[in-house]
Amino acid sequence: MSEPTIGHNSTTEDDAVTKFSKDQLKAVIERIERLEEEKKTISDDIKDVYVEAKGNGYDVKALRTIVRLRKQDPNDRAEEETILDTYMHALGMV
């Protein structure tokens, strides 16, 4: 009687693992691609809102600054404003 070779089962298992890894990798890549497309769409929508705001007379630079400031932690924002105010006073800008 001949016994099955261990290498044969190992190769089959390796092939299954390799296929699973490839499928998993492909799924990850496809998710990233979908999210990148969604990100581009959202970015385009944001640009459209800024264009609309500019058309309504708003200063886009000021709007971008406000959006950035609102994202910050209130303590970090207060610290940044204090430092900026200190520097502006030191330079005689206020």
PDB file of N, CA and C in Angstrom:
ATOM      1  N   MET A   1       0.823  -1.187   0.000  1.00  0.00           N
ATOM      2  CA  MET A   1       0.000   0.000   0.000  1.00  0.00           C
ATOM      3  C   MET A   1       0.864   1.245   0.000  1.00  0.00           C
ATOM      4  N   SER A   2       0.483   2.179  -0.770  1.00  0.00           N
ATOM      5  CA  SER A   2       1.214   3.435  -0.763  1.00  0.00           C
ATOM      6  C   SER A   2       0.430   4.466   0.054  1.00  0.00           C
ATOM      7  N   GLU A   3       1.182   5.234   0.804  1.00  0.00           N
ATOM      8  CA  GLU A   3       0.554   6.271   1.622  1.00  0.00           C
ATOM      9  C   GLU A   3       0.549   7.578   0.845  1.00  0.00           C
ATOM     10  N   PRO A   4      -0.478   8.397   1.090  1.00  0.00           N
ATOM     11  CA  PRO A   4      -0.495   9.700   0.403  1.00  0.00           C
ATOM     12  C   PRO A   4       0.689  10.542   0.864  1.00  0.00           C
ATOM     13  N   THR A   5       1.211  11.308  -0.048  1.00  0.00           N
ATOM     14  CA  THR A   5       2.345  12.148   0.302  1.00  0.00           C
ATOM     15  C   THR A   5       1.857  13.397   1.020  1.00  0.00           C
ATOM     16  N   ILE A   6       2.618  13.799   1.990  1.00  0.00           N
ATOM     17  CA  ILE A   6       2.259  14.986   2.769  1.00  0.00           C
ATOM     18  C   ILE A   6       2.336  16.225   1.891  1.00  0.00           C
ATOM     19  N   GLY A   7       3.287  16.250   1.026  1.00  0.00           N
ATOM     20  CA  GLY A   7       3.450  17.397   0.140  1.00  0.00           C
ATOM     21  C   GLY A   7       2.222  17.657  -0.711  1.00  0.00           C
ATOM     22  N   HIS A   8       1.510  16.598  -1.106  1.00  0.00           N
ATOM     23  CA  HIS A   8       0.338  16.761  -1.954  1.00  0.00           C
ATOM     24  C   HIS A   8      -0.752  17.544  -1.234  1.00  0.00           C
ATOM     25  N   ASN A   9      -1.062  17.150  -0.002  1.00  0.00           N
ATOM     26  CA  ASN A   9      -2.066  17.866   0.773  1.00  0.00           C
ATOM     27  C   ASN A   9      -1.609  19.290   1.062  1.00  0.00           C
ATOM     28  N   SER A  10      -0.342  19.443   1.357  1.00  0.00           N
ATOM     29  CA  SER A  10       0.204  20.754   1.665  1.00  0.00           C
ATOM     30  C   SER A  10       0.065  21.691   0.461  1.00  0.00           C
ATOM     31  N   THR A  11       0.333  21.161  -0.736  1.00  0.00           N
ATOM     32  CA  THR A  11       0.214  21.973  -1.934  1.00  0.00           C
ATOM     33  C   THR A  11      -1.232  22.397  -2.154  1.00  0.00           C
ATOM     34  N   THR A  12      -2.168  21.483  -1.949  1.00  0.00           N
ATOM     35  CA  THR A  12      -3.575  21.808  -2.107  1.00  0.00           C
ATOM     36  C   THR A  12      -3.981  22.880  -1.106  1.00  0.00           C
ATOM     37  N   GLU A  13      -3.528  22.727   0.134  1.00  0.00           N
ATOM     38  CA  GLU A  13      -3.831  23.728   1.156  1.00  0.00           C
ATOM     39  C   GLU A  13      -3.175  25.054   0.813  1.00  0.00           C
ATOM     40  N   ASP A  14      -1.943  25.019   0.332  1.00  0.00           N
ATOM     41  CA  ASP A  14      -1.245  26.243  -0.060  1.00  0.00           C
ATOM     42  C   ASP A  14      -1.987  26.938  -1.188  1.00  0.00           C
ATOM     43  N   ASP A  15      -2.468  26.151  -2.152  1.00  0.00           N
ATOM     44  CA  ASP A  15      -3.227  26.720  -3.259  1.00  0.00           C
ATOM     45  C   ASP A  15      -4.500  27.392  -2.745  1.00  0.00           C
ATOM     46  N   ALA A  16      -5.184  26.747  -1.808  1.00  0.00           N
ATOM     47  CA  ALA A  16      -6.416  27.313  -1.245  1.00  0.00           C
ATOM     48  C   ALA A  16      -6.112  28.604  -0.496  1.00  0.00           C
ATOM     49  N   VAL A  17      -5.032  28.598   0.275  1.00  0.00           N
ATOM     50  CA  VAL A  17      -4.637  29.800   1.016  1.00  0.00           C
ATOM     51  C   VAL A  17      -4.259  30.903   0.046  1.00  0.00           C
ATOM     52  N   THR A  18      -3.511  30.547  -0.991  1.00  0.00           N
ATOM     53  CA  THR A  18      -3.106  31.531  -1.990  1.00  0.00           C
ATOM     54  C   THR A  18      -4.322  32.131  -2.684  1.00  0.00           C
ATOM     55  N   LYS A  19      -5.294  31.285  -3.059  1.00  0.00           N
ATOM     56  CA  LYS A  19      -6.506  31.786  -3.710  1.00  0.00           C
ATOM     57  C   LYS A  19      -7.277  32.687  -2.761  1.00  0.00           C
ATOM     58  N   PHE A  20      -7.385  32.283  -1.479  1.00  0.00           N
ATOM     59  CA  PHE A  20      -8.072  33.111  -0.497  1.00  0.00           C
ATOM     60  C   PHE A  20      -7.360  34.453  -0.352  1.00  0.00           C
ATOM     61  N   SER A  21      -6.036  34.432  -0.278  1.00  0.00           N
ATOM     62  CA  SER A  21      -5.257  35.660  -0.143  1.00  0.00           C
ATOM     63  C   SER A  21      -5.453  36.572  -1.346  1.00  0.00           C
ATOM     64  N   LYS A  22      -5.443  35.989  -2.534  1.00  0.00           N
ATOM     65  CA  LYS A  22      -5.653  36.771  -3.757  1.00  0.00           C
ATOM     66  C   LYS A  22      -7.047  37.367  -3.769  1.00  0.00           C
ATOM     67  N   ASP A  23      -8.060  36.566  -3.404  1.00  0.00           N
ATOM     68  CA  ASP A  23      -9.436  37.056  -3.379  1.00  0.00           C
ATOM     69  C   ASP A  23      -9.592  38.163  -2.347  1.00  0.00           C
ATOM     70  N   GLN A  24      -8.960  37.960  -1.188  1.00  0.00           N
ATOM     71  CA  GLN A  24      -9.043  38.971  -0.140  1.00  0.00           C
ATOM     72  C   GLN A  24      -8.354  40.262  -0.587  1.00  0.00           C
ATOM     73  N   LEU A  25      -7.186  40.142  -1.191  1.00  0.00           N
ATOM     74  CA  LEU A  25      -6.460  41.298  -1.698  1.00  0.00           C
ATOM     75  C   LEU A  25      -7.283  42.037  -2.743  1.00  0.00           C
ATOM     76  N   LYS A  26      -7.879  41.285  -3.660  1.00  0.00           N
ATOM     77  CA  LYS A  26      -8.703  41.889  -4.705  1.00  0.00           C
ATOM     78  C   LYS A  26      -9.880  42.640  -4.085  1.00  0.00           C
ATOM     79  N   ALA A  27     -10.508  42.067  -3.065  1.00  0.00           N
ATOM     80  CA  ALA A  27     -11.640  42.723  -2.400  1.00  0.00           C
ATOM     81  C   ALA A  27     -11.200  44.018  -1.723  1.00  0.00           C
ATOM     82  N   VAL A  28     -10.029  43.994  -1.098  1.00  0.00           N
ATOM     83  CA  VAL A  28      -9.507  45.194  -0.444  1.00  0.00           C
ATOM     84  C   VAL A  28      -9.256  46.286  -1.482  1.00  0.00           C
ATOM     85  N   ILE A  29      -8.598  45.927  -2.567  1.00  0.00           N
ATOM     86  CA  ILE A  29      -8.294  46.891  -3.624  1.00  0.00           C
ATOM     87  C   ILE A  29      -9.577  47.480  -4.195  1.00  0.00           C
ATOM     88  N   GLU A  30     -10.576  46.641  -4.455  1.00  0.00           N
ATOM     89  CA  GLU A  30     -11.839  47.122  -5.014  1.00  0.00           C
ATOM     90  C   GLU A  30     -12.555  48.059  -4.049  1.00  0.00           C
ATOM     91  N   ARG A  31     -12.495  47.766  -2.741  1.00  0.00           N
ATOM     92  CA  ARG A  31     -13.091  48.669  -1.748  1.00  0.00           C
ATOM     93  C   ARG A  31     -12.389  50.022  -1.767  1.00  0.00           C
ATOM     94  N   ILE A  32     -11.062  49.997  -1.814  1.00  0.00           N
ATOM     95  CA  ILE A  32     -10.294  51.251  -1.855  1.00  0.00           C
ATOM     96  C   ILE A  32     -10.667  52.052  -3.098  1.00  0.00           C
ATOM     97  N   GLU A  33     -10.764  51.359  -4.240  1.00  0.00           N
ATOM     98  CA  GLU A  33     -11.120  52.047  -5.481  1.00  0.00           C
ATOM     99  C   GLU A  33     -12.499  52.689  -5.391  1.00  0.00           C
ATOM    100  N   ARG A  34     -13.465  51.967  -4.809  1.00  0.00           N
ATOM    101  CA  ARG A  34     -14.814  52.534  -4.650  1.00  0.00           C
ATOM    102  C   ARG A  34     -14.792  53.755  -3.735  1.00  0.00           C
ATOM    103  N   LEU A  35     -14.054  53.646  -2.634  1.00  0.00           N
ATOM    104  CA  LEU A  35     -13.965  54.767  -1.700  1.00  0.00           C
ATOM    105  C   LEU A  35     -13.258  55.972  -2.320  1.00  0.00           C
ATOM    106  N   GLU A  36     -12.222  55.707  -3.110  1.00  0.00           N
ATOM    107  CA  GLU A  36     -11.528  56.802  -3.807  1.00  0.00           C
ATOM    108  C   GLU A  36     -12.488  57.514  -4.765  1.00  0.00           C
ATOM    109  N   GLU A  37     -13.322  56.754  -5.452  1.00  0.00           N
ATOM    110  CA  GLU A  37     -14.304  57.351  -6.368  1.00  0.00           C
ATOM    111  C   GLU A  37     -15.323  58.178  -5.580  1.00  0.00           C
ATOM    112  N   GLU A  38     -15.774  57.650  -4.449  1.00  0.00           N
ATOM    113  CA  GLU A  38     -16.710  58.396  -3.598  1.00  0.00           C
ATOM    114  C   GLU A  38     -16.054  59.672  -3.084  1.00  0.00           C
ATOM    115  N   LYS A  39     -14.778  59.566  -2.703  1.00  0.00           N
ATOM    116  CA  LYS A  39     -14.045  60.730  -2.211  1.00  0.00           C
ATOM    117  C   LYS A  39     -13.951  61.805  -3.293  1.00  0.00           C
ATOM    118  N   LYS A  40     -13.691  61.380  -4.534  1.00  0.00           N
ATOM    119  CA  LYS A  40     -13.606  62.335  -5.643  1.00  0.00           C
ATOM    120  C   LYS A  40     -14.956  63.009  -5.858  1.00  0.00           C
ATOM    121  N   THR A  41     -16.031  62.228  -5.797  1.00  0.00           N
ATOM    122  CA  THR A  41     -17.367  62.772  -5.974  1.00  0.00           C
ATOM    123  C   THR A  41     -17.675  63.792  -4.881  1.00  0.00           C
ATOM    124  N   ILE A  42     -17.355  63.446  -3.637  1.00  0.00           N
ATOM    125  CA  ILE A  42     -17.600  64.361  -2.523  1.00  0.00           C
ATOM    126  C   ILE A  42     -16.742  65.619  -2.667  1.00  0.00           C
ATOM    127  N   SER A  43     -15.496  65.448  -3.068  1.00  0.00           N
ATOM    128  CA  SER A  43     -14.608  66.595  -3.270  1.00  0.00           C
ATOM    129  C   SER A  43     -15.177  67.532  -4.336  1.00  0.00           C
ATOM    130  N   ASP A  44     -15.673  66.964  -5.414  1.00  0.00           N
ATOM    131  CA  ASP A  44     -16.292  67.773  -6.467  1.00  0.00           C
ATOM    132  C   ASP A  44     -17.527  68.503  -5.940  1.00  0.00           C
ATOM    133  N   ASP A  45     -18.310  67.829  -5.105  1.00  0.00           N
ATOM    134  CA  ASP A  45     -19.498  68.459  -4.509  1.00  0.00           C
ATOM    135  C   ASP A  45     -19.101  69.628  -3.617  1.00  0.00           C
ATOM    136  N   ILE A  46     -18.041  69.458  -2.843  1.00  0.00           N
ATOM    137  CA  ILE A  46     -17.568  70.538  -1.964  1.00  0.00           C
ATOM    138  C   ILE A  46     -17.121  71.730  -2.803  1.00  0.00           C
ATOM    139  N   LYS A  47     -16.393  71.470  -3.879  1.00  0.00           N
ATOM    140  CA  LYS A  47     -15.964  72.553  -4.774  1.00  0.00           C
ATOM    141  C   LYS A  47     -17.172  73.297  -5.314  1.00  0.00           C
ATOM    142  N   ASP A  48     -18.214  72.555  -5.689  1.00  0.00           N
ATOM    143  CA  ASP A  48     -19.437  73.183  -6.207  1.00  0.00           C
ATOM    144  C   ASP A  48     -20.083  74.089  -5.168  1.00  0.00           C
ATOM    145  N   VAL A  49     -20.065  73.672  -3.900  1.00  0.00           N
ATOM    146  CA  VAL A  49     -20.647  74.496  -2.828  1.00  0.00           C
ATOM    147  C   VAL A  49     -19.845  75.783  -2.672  1.00  0.00           C
ATOM    148  N   TYR A  50     -18.521  75.692  -2.730  1.00  0.00           N
ATOM    149  CA  TYR A  50     -17.695  76.899  -2.635  1.00  0.00           C
ATOM    150  C   TYR A  50     -17.948  77.835  -3.823  1.00  0.00           C
ATOM    151  N   VAL A  51     -18.101  77.279  -5.007  1.00  0.00           N
ATOM    152  CA  VAL A  51     -18.405  78.105  -6.186  1.00  0.00           C
ATOM    153  C   VAL A  51     -19.754  78.802  -5.996  1.00  0.00           C
ATOM    154  N   GLU A  52     -20.731  78.055  -5.505  1.00  0.00           N
ATOM    155  CA  GLU A  52     -22.056  78.632  -5.249  1.00  0.00           C
ATOM    156  C   GLU A  52     -21.966  79.740  -4.196  1.00  0.00           C
ATOM    157  N   ALA A  53     -21.208  79.485  -3.131  1.00  0.00           N
ATOM    158  CA  ALA A  53     -21.054  80.485  -2.073  1.00  0.00           C
ATOM    159  C   ALA A  53     -20.394  81.746  -2.613  1.00  0.00           C
ATOM    160  N   LYS A  54     -19.372  81.568  -3.450  1.00  0.00           N
ATOM    161  CA  LYS A  54     -18.703  82.721  -4.056  1.00  0.00           C
ATOM    162  C   LYS A  54     -19.673  83.501  -4.927  1.00  0.00           C
ATOM    163  N   GLY A  55     -20.508  82.776  -5.660  1.00  0.00           N
ATOM    164  CA  GLY A  55     -21.518  83.430  -6.491  1.00  0.00           C
ATOM    165  C   GLY A  55     -22.532  84.214  -5.683  1.00  0.00           C
ATOM    166  N   ASN A  56     -22.711  83.818  -4.429  1.00  0.00           N
ATOM    167  CA  ASN A  56     -23.636  84.529  -3.535  1.00  0.00           C
ATOM    168  C   ASN A  56     -22.938  85.622  -2.735  1.00  0.00           C
ATOM    169  N   GLY A  57     -21.660  85.875  -3.056  1.00  0.00           N
ATOM    170  CA  GLY A  57     -20.950  86.986  -2.443  1.00  0.00           C
ATOM    171  C   GLY A  57     -20.110  86.640  -1.227  1.00  0.00           C
ATOM    172  N   TYR A  58     -20.001  85.380  -0.881  1.00  0.00           N
ATOM    173  CA  TYR A  58     -19.186  84.998   0.274  1.00  0.00           C
ATOM    174  C   TYR A  58     -17.719  84.890  -0.118  1.00  0.00           C
ATOM    175  N   ASP A  59     -16.854  85.207   0.830  1.00  0.00           N
ATOM    176  CA  ASP A  59     -15.414  85.098   0.632  1.00  0.00           C
ATOM    177  C   ASP A  59     -15.013  83.642   0.880  1.00  0.00           C
ATOM    178  N   VAL A  60     -14.583  82.963  -0.157  1.00  0.00           N
ATOM    179  CA  VAL A  60     -14.268  81.535  -0.075  1.00  0.00           C
ATOM    180  C   VAL A  60     -13.094  81.272   0.859  1.00  0.00           C
ATOM    181  N   LYS A  61     -12.100  82.134   0.850  1.00  0.00           N
ATOM    182  CA  LYS A  61     -10.950  81.951   1.740  1.00  0.00           C
ATOM    183  C   LYS A  61     -11.407  81.988   3.195  1.00  0.00           C
ATOM    184  N   ALA A  62     -12.285  82.916   3.530  1.00  0.00           N
ATOM    185  CA  ALA A  62     -12.812  83.011   4.896  1.00  0.00           C
ATOM    186  C   ALA A  62     -13.630  81.765   5.237  1.00  0.00           C
ATOM    187  N   LEU A  63     -14.421  81.277   4.296  1.00  0.00           N
ATOM    188  CA  LEU A  63     -15.213  80.074   4.533  1.00  0.00           C
ATOM    189  C   LEU A  63     -14.312  78.878   4.802  1.00  0.00           C
ATOM    190  N   ARG A  64     -13.259  78.732   4.018  1.00  0.00           N
ATOM    191  CA  ARG A  64     -12.325  77.614   4.216  1.00  0.00           C
ATOM    192  C   ARG A  64     -11.661  77.706   5.592  1.00  0.00           C
ATOM    193  N   THR A  65     -11.307  78.928   6.004  1.00  0.00           N
ATOM    194  CA  THR A  65     -10.697  79.129   7.318  1.00  0.00           C
ATOM    195  C   THR A  65     -11.674  78.738   8.421  1.00  0.00           C
ATOM    196  N   ILE A  66     -12.920  79.149   8.295  1.00  0.00           N
ATOM    197  CA  ILE A  66     -13.930  78.809   9.302  1.00  0.00           C
ATOM    198  C   ILE A  66     -14.130  77.300   9.376  1.00  0.00           C
ATOM    199  N   VAL A  67     -14.204  76.639   8.245  1.00  0.00           N
ATOM    200  CA  VAL A  67     -14.371  75.182   8.228  1.00  0.00           C
ATOM    201  C   VAL A  67     -13.187  74.519   8.921  1.00  0.00           C
ATOM    202  N   ARG A  68     -11.975  75.001   8.634  1.00  0.00           N
ATOM    203  CA  ARG A  68     -10.772  74.446   9.259  1.00  0.00           C
ATOM    204  C   ARG A  68     -10.798  74.665  10.769  1.00  0.00           C
ATOM    205  N   LEU A  69     -11.177  75.868  11.199  1.00  0.00           N
ATOM    206  CA  LEU A  69     -11.212  76.176  12.625  1.00  0.00           C
ATOM    207  C   LEU A  69     -12.259  75.353  13.361  1.00  0.00           C
ATOM    208  N   ARG A  70     -13.392  75.111  12.730  1.00  0.00           N
ATOM    209  CA  ARG A  70     -14.455  74.342  13.369  1.00  0.00           C
ATOM    210  C   ARG A  70     -14.066  72.876  13.554  1.00  0.00           C
ATOM    211  N   LYS A  71     -13.127  72.398  12.752  1.00  0.00           N
ATOM    212  CA  LYS A  71     -12.648  71.022  12.889  1.00  0.00           C
ATOM    213  C   LYS A  71     -11.714  70.867  14.088  1.00  0.00           C
ATOM    214  N   GLN A  72     -11.104  71.966  14.498  1.00  0.00           N
ATOM    215  CA  GLN A  72     -10.107  71.916  15.566  1.00  0.00           C
ATOM    216  C   GLN A  72     -10.766  71.728  16.930  1.00  0.00           C
ATOM    217  N   ASP A  73     -10.002  71.150  17.828  1.00  0.00           N
ATOM    218  CA  ASP A  73     -10.404  71.076  19.230  1.00  0.00           C
ATOM    219  C   ASP A  73     -10.471  72.518  19.758  1.00  0.00           C
ATOM    220  N   PRO A  74     -11.501  72.864  20.529  1.00  0.00           N
ATOM    221  CA  PRO A  74     -11.630  74.244  21.021  1.00  0.00           C
ATOM    222  C   PRO A  74     -10.405  74.737  21.801  1.00  0.00           C
ATOM    223  N   ASN A  75      -9.788  73.870  22.586  1.00  0.00           N
ATOM    224  CA  ASN A  75      -8.591  74.281  23.339  1.00  0.00           C
ATOM    225  C   ASN A  75      -7.418  74.553  22.407  1.00  0.00           C
ATOM    226  N   ASP A  76      -7.248  73.710  21.393  1.00  0.00           N
ATOM    227  CA  ASP A  76      -6.170  73.918  20.417  1.00  0.00           C
ATOM    228  C   ASP A  76      -6.391  75.213  19.648  1.00  0.00           C
ATOM    229  N   ARG A  77      -7.642  75.467  19.289  1.00  0.00           N
ATOM    230  CA  ARG A  77      -7.975  76.680  18.547  1.00  0.00           C
ATOM    231  C   ARG A  77      -7.702  77.914  19.406  1.00  0.00           C
ATOM    232  N   ALA A  78      -8.091  77.879  20.680  1.00  0.00           N
ATOM    233  CA  ALA A  78      -7.859  79.015  21.579  1.00  0.00           C
ATOM    234  C   ALA A  78      -6.364  79.270  21.744  1.00  0.00           C
ATOM    235  N   GLU A  79      -5.590  78.189  21.871  1.00  0.00           N
ATOM    236  CA  GLU A  79      -4.142  78.339  22.006  1.00  0.00           C
ATOM    237  C   GLU A  79      -3.539  78.967  20.747  1.00  0.00           C
ATOM    238  N   GLU A  80      -3.977  78.489  19.586  1.00  0.00           N
ATOM    239  CA  GLU A  80      -3.479  79.038  18.318  1.00  0.00           C
ATOM    240  C   GLU A  80      -3.833  80.516  18.189  1.00  0.00           C
ATOM    241  N   GLU A  81      -5.062  80.878  18.562  1.00  0.00           N
ATOM    242  CA  GLU A  81      -5.495  82.275  18.474  1.00  0.00           C
ATOM    243  C   GLU A  81      -4.710  83.159  19.437  1.00  0.00           C
ATOM    244  N   THR A  82      -4.411  82.646  20.634  1.00  0.00           N
ATOM    245  CA  THR A  82      -3.637  83.403  21.619  1.00  0.00           C
ATOM    246  C   THR A  82      -2.226  83.663  21.109  1.00  0.00           C
ATOM    247  N   ILE A  83      -1.604  82.633  20.556  1.00  0.00           N
ATOM    248  CA  ILE A  83      -0.246  82.792  20.014  1.00  0.00           C
ATOM    249  C   ILE A  83      -0.250  83.780  18.863  1.00  0.00           C
ATOM    250  N   LEU A  84      -1.208  83.647  17.959  1.00  0.00           N
ATOM    251  CA  LEU A  84      -1.302  84.561  16.817  1.00  0.00           C
ATOM    252  C   LEU A  84      -1.496  85.998  17.300  1.00  0.00           C
ATOM    253  N   ASP A  85      -2.380  86.190  18.277  1.00  0.00           N
ATOM    254  CA  ASP A  85      -2.643  87.527  18.812  1.00  0.00           C
ATOM    255  C   ASP A  85      -1.375  88.100  19.455  1.00  0.00           C
ATOM    256  N   THR A  86      -0.650  87.265  20.181  1.00  0.00           N
ATOM    257  CA  THR A  86       0.597  87.697  20.823  1.00  0.00           C
ATOM    258  C   THR A  86       1.614  88.150  19.776  1.00  0.00           C
ATOM    259  N   TYR A  87       1.770  87.354  18.735  1.00  0.00           N
ATOM    260  CA  TYR A  87       2.727  87.703  17.674  1.00  0.00           C
ATOM    261  C   TYR A  87       2.306  88.984  16.953  1.00  0.00           C
ATOM    262  N   MET A  88       1.022  89.114  16.696  1.00  0.00           N
ATOM    263  CA  MET A  88       0.539  90.312  15.987  1.00  0.00           C
ATOM    264  C   MET A  88       0.768  91.564  16.834  1.00  0.00           C
ATOM    265  N   HIS A  89       0.544  91.477  18.147  1.00  0.00           N
ATOM    266  CA  HIS A  89       0.823  92.607  19.036  1.00  0.00           C
ATOM    267  C   HIS A  89       2.311  92.942  19.032  1.00  0.00           C
ATOM    268  N   ALA A  90       3.139  91.920  19.098  1.00  0.00           N
ATOM    269  CA  ALA A  90       4.593  92.126  19.116  1.00  0.00           C
ATOM    270  C   ALA A  90       5.075  92.808  17.847  1.00  0.00           C
ATOM    271  N   LEU A  91       4.396  92.555  16.747  1.00  0.00           N
ATOM    272  CA  LEU A  91       4.779  93.151  15.467  1.00  0.00           C
ATOM    273  C   LEU A  91       4.043  94.463  15.186  1.00  0.00           C
ATOM    274  N   GLY A  92       3.217  94.902  16.137  1.00  0.00           N
ATOM    275  CA  GLY A  92       2.487  96.165  15.977  1.00  0.00           C
ATOM    276  C   GLY A  92       1.403  96.087  14.910  1.00  0.00           C
ATOM    277  N   MET A  93       0.855  94.914  14.714  1.00  0.00           N
ATOM    278  CA  MET A  93      -0.170  94.730  13.674  1.00  0.00           C
ATOM    279  C   MET A  93      -1.583  94.925  14.221  1.00  0.00           C
ATOM    280  N   VAL A  94      -1.717  95.082  15.555  1.00  0.00           N
ATOM    281  CA  VAL A  94      -3.047  95.226  16.150  1.00  0.00           C
ATOM    282  C   VAL A  94      -3.142  96.556  16.846  1.00  0.00           C
TER     283      VAL A  94
END
